[in-house]
């Protein structure tokens, strides 16, 4: 059980628990994890990520929207995130 992501394990695994996750909820969470990890492994390149997952780029974008993954918050391949730039003060 230690290799299973915590998000996939029911909060209370006792048989009487009414707070179990359904199969669709578990699959939704797992697919989200897989896509985010694939993006990281592929340097946030969407085309390479889609190819590594065996899906089209359009399908990747539709899954990303459905799963609520914010691509805008992730760096783009070959670009430095704007948050790394700081305004420099010129001393005169």
C-alpha atoms as a PDB file:
ATOM      1  CA  UNK A   1       0.000   0.000   0.000  1.00  0.00           C
ATOM      2  CA  UNK A   2       2.914   2.382   0.487  1.00  0.00           C
ATOM      3  CA  UNK A   3       3.370   2.792  -3.300  1.00  0.00           C
ATOM      4  CA  UNK A   4      -0.243   3.832  -3.876  1.00  0.00           C
ATOM      5  CA  UNK A   5      -0.655   7.632  -3.940  1.00  0.00           C
ATOM      6  CA  UNK A   6      -2.470   8.834  -0.846  1.00  0.00           C
ATOM      7  CA  UNK A   7      -5.188  10.490  -2.937  1.00  0.00           C
ATOM      8  CA  UNK A   8      -6.268   7.054  -4.220  1.00  0.00           C
ATOM      9  CA  UNK A   9      -6.633   5.416  -0.805  1.00  0.00           C
ATOM     10  CA  UNK A  10     -10.036   5.798   0.872  1.00  0.00           C
ATOM     11  CA  UNK A  11      -9.942   8.103   3.891  1.00  0.00           C
ATOM     12  CA  UNK A  12     -11.326   5.382   6.140  1.00  0.00           C
ATOM     13  CA  UNK A  13     -10.970   1.844   4.828  1.00  0.00           C
ATOM     14  CA  UNK A  14     -13.253   0.256   7.420  1.00  0.00           C
ATOM     15  CA  UNK A  15     -16.211  -1.673   5.937  1.00  0.00           C
ATOM     16  CA  UNK A  16     -18.753   0.526   7.738  1.00  0.00           C
ATOM     17  CA  UNK A  17     -17.353   3.757   6.323  1.00  0.00           C
ATOM     18  CA  UNK A  18     -19.744   5.785   4.174  1.00  0.00           C
ATOM     19  CA  UNK A  19     -16.896   8.071   3.022  1.00  0.00           C
ATOM     20  CA  UNK A  20     -15.329   5.813   0.402  1.00  0.00           C
ATOM     21  CA  UNK A  21     -14.248   7.047  -2.996  1.00  0.00           C
ATOM     22  CA  UNK A  22     -16.020   5.629  -5.996  1.00  0.00           C
ATOM     23  CA  UNK A  23     -14.184   4.034  -8.907  1.00  0.00           C
ATOM     24  CA  UNK A  24     -14.783   7.073 -11.178  1.00  0.00           C
ATOM     25  CA  UNK A  25     -13.387   9.388  -8.460  1.00  0.00           C
ATOM     26  CA  UNK A  26     -10.284   7.221  -8.083  1.00  0.00           C
ATOM     27  CA  UNK A  27      -9.774   7.002 -11.851  1.00  0.00           C
ATOM     28  CA  UNK A  28     -10.220  10.786 -12.182  1.00  0.00           C
ATOM     29  CA  UNK A  29      -7.565  11.422  -9.506  1.00  0.00           C
ATOM     30  CA  UNK A  30      -5.194   8.838 -10.956  1.00  0.00           C
ATOM     31  CA  UNK A  31      -5.496  10.164 -14.524  1.00  0.00           C
ATOM     32  CA  UNK A  32      -4.792  13.671 -13.224  1.00  0.00           C
ATOM     33  CA  UNK A  33      -1.625  12.440 -11.491  1.00  0.00           C
ATOM     34  CA  UNK A  34      -0.486  10.550 -14.606  1.00  0.00           C
ATOM     35  CA  UNK A  35      -0.904  13.579 -16.885  1.00  0.00           C
ATOM     36  CA  UNK A  36       0.858  15.969 -14.489  1.00  0.00           C
ATOM     37  CA  UNK A  37       3.767  13.540 -14.068  1.00  0.00           C
ATOM     38  CA  UNK A  38       3.980  13.021 -17.845  1.00  0.00           C
ATOM     39  CA  UNK A  39       4.121  16.790 -18.354  1.00  0.00           C
ATOM     40  CA  UNK A  40       6.946  17.040 -15.811  1.00  0.00           C
ATOM     41  CA  UNK A  41       8.881  14.139 -17.348  1.00  0.00           C
ATOM     42  CA  UNK A  42       8.585  15.677 -20.815  1.00  0.00           C
ATOM     43  CA  UNK A  43       9.729  19.133 -19.789  1.00  0.00           C
ATOM     44  CA  UNK A  44       6.163  20.500 -19.987  1.00  0.00           C
ATOM     45  CA  UNK A  45       6.188  20.039 -23.786  1.00  0.00           C
ATOM     46  CA  UNK A  46       2.558  19.331 -24.654  1.00  0.00           C
ATOM     47  CA  UNK A  47       3.269  17.604 -27.983  1.00  0.00           C
ATOM     48  CA  UNK A  48       5.874  15.262 -26.493  1.00  0.00           C
ATOM     49  CA  UNK A  49       3.630  14.547 -23.512  1.00  0.00           C
ATOM     50  CA  UNK A  50       0.699  13.634 -25.769  1.00  0.00           C
ATOM     51  CA  UNK A  51       2.932  11.373 -27.867  1.00  0.00           C
ATOM     52  CA  UNK A  52       4.345   9.657 -24.768  1.00  0.00           C
ATOM     53  CA  UNK A  53       0.801   8.972 -23.545  1.00  0.00           C
ATOM     54  CA  UNK A  54      -0.255   7.681 -26.975  1.00  0.00           C
ATOM     55  CA  UNK A  55      -2.922  10.335 -27.496  1.00  0.00           C
ATOM     56  CA  UNK A  56      -3.289  13.350 -29.786  1.00  0.00           C
ATOM     57  CA  UNK A  57      -2.429  16.817 -28.544  1.00  0.00           C
ATOM     58  CA  UNK A  58      -6.096  17.823 -28.904  1.00  0.00           C
ATOM     59  CA  UNK A  59      -7.116  14.859 -26.732  1.00  0.00           C
ATOM     60  CA  UNK A  60      -4.497  15.867 -24.141  1.00  0.00           C
ATOM     61  CA  UNK A  61      -5.945  19.379 -24.031  1.00  0.00           C
ATOM     62  CA  UNK A  62      -9.501  18.061 -23.620  1.00  0.00           C
ATOM     63  CA  UNK A  63      -8.423  15.755 -20.770  1.00  0.00           C
ATOM     64  CA  UNK A  64      -6.499  18.599 -19.121  1.00  0.00           C
ATOM     65  CA  UNK A  65      -9.618  20.807 -19.223  1.00  0.00           C
ATOM     66  CA  UNK A  66     -11.840  18.025 -17.894  1.00  0.00           C
ATOM     67  CA  UNK A  67      -9.415  17.210 -15.069  1.00  0.00           C
ATOM     68  CA  UNK A  68      -8.980  20.846 -14.070  1.00  0.00           C
ATOM     69  CA  UNK A  69      -5.231  21.004 -14.699  1.00  0.00           C
ATOM     70  CA  UNK A  70      -4.034  24.599 -15.055  1.00  0.00           C
ATOM     71  CA  UNK A  71      -1.497  24.571 -17.891  1.00  0.00           C
ATOM     72  CA  UNK A  72      -1.049  28.321 -17.519  1.00  0.00           C
ATOM     73  CA  UNK A  73       0.549  27.783 -14.116  1.00  0.00           C
ATOM     74  CA  UNK A  74       3.119  25.375 -15.573  1.00  0.00           C
ATOM     75  CA  UNK A  75       6.279  26.485 -17.334  1.00  0.00           C
ATOM     76  CA  UNK A  76       6.415  26.102 -21.098  1.00  0.00           C
ATOM     77  CA  UNK A  77       9.217  24.244 -22.798  1.00  0.00           C
ATOM     78  CA  UNK A  78      12.131  26.516 -23.585  1.00  0.00           C
ATOM     79  CA  UNK A  79      10.674  29.426 -21.668  1.00  0.00           C
ATOM     80  CA  UNK A  80      11.551  30.728 -18.254  1.00  0.00           C
ATOM     81  CA  UNK A  81       8.501  31.402 -16.063  1.00  0.00           C
ATOM     82  CA  UNK A  82       7.816  35.124 -15.649  1.00  0.00           C
ATOM     83  CA  UNK A  83       7.895  34.686 -11.879  1.00  0.00           C
ATOM     84  CA  UNK A  84      11.651  34.152 -12.083  1.00  0.00           C
ATOM     85  CA  UNK A  85      12.212  37.647 -13.431  1.00  0.00           C
ATOM     86  CA  UNK A  86      12.513  40.429 -10.930  1.00  0.00           C
ATOM     87  CA  UNK A  87      12.310  44.091 -11.717  1.00  0.00           C
ATOM     88  CA  UNK A  88      15.761  45.554 -11.505  1.00  0.00           C
ATOM     89  CA  UNK A  89      16.197  48.964 -10.003  1.00  0.00           C
ATOM     90  CA  UNK A  90      18.610  51.211 -11.814  1.00  0.00           C
ATOM     91  CA  UNK A  91      20.830  53.190  -9.543  1.00  0.00           C
ATOM     92  CA  UNK A  92      21.855  56.576 -10.885  1.00  0.00           C
END
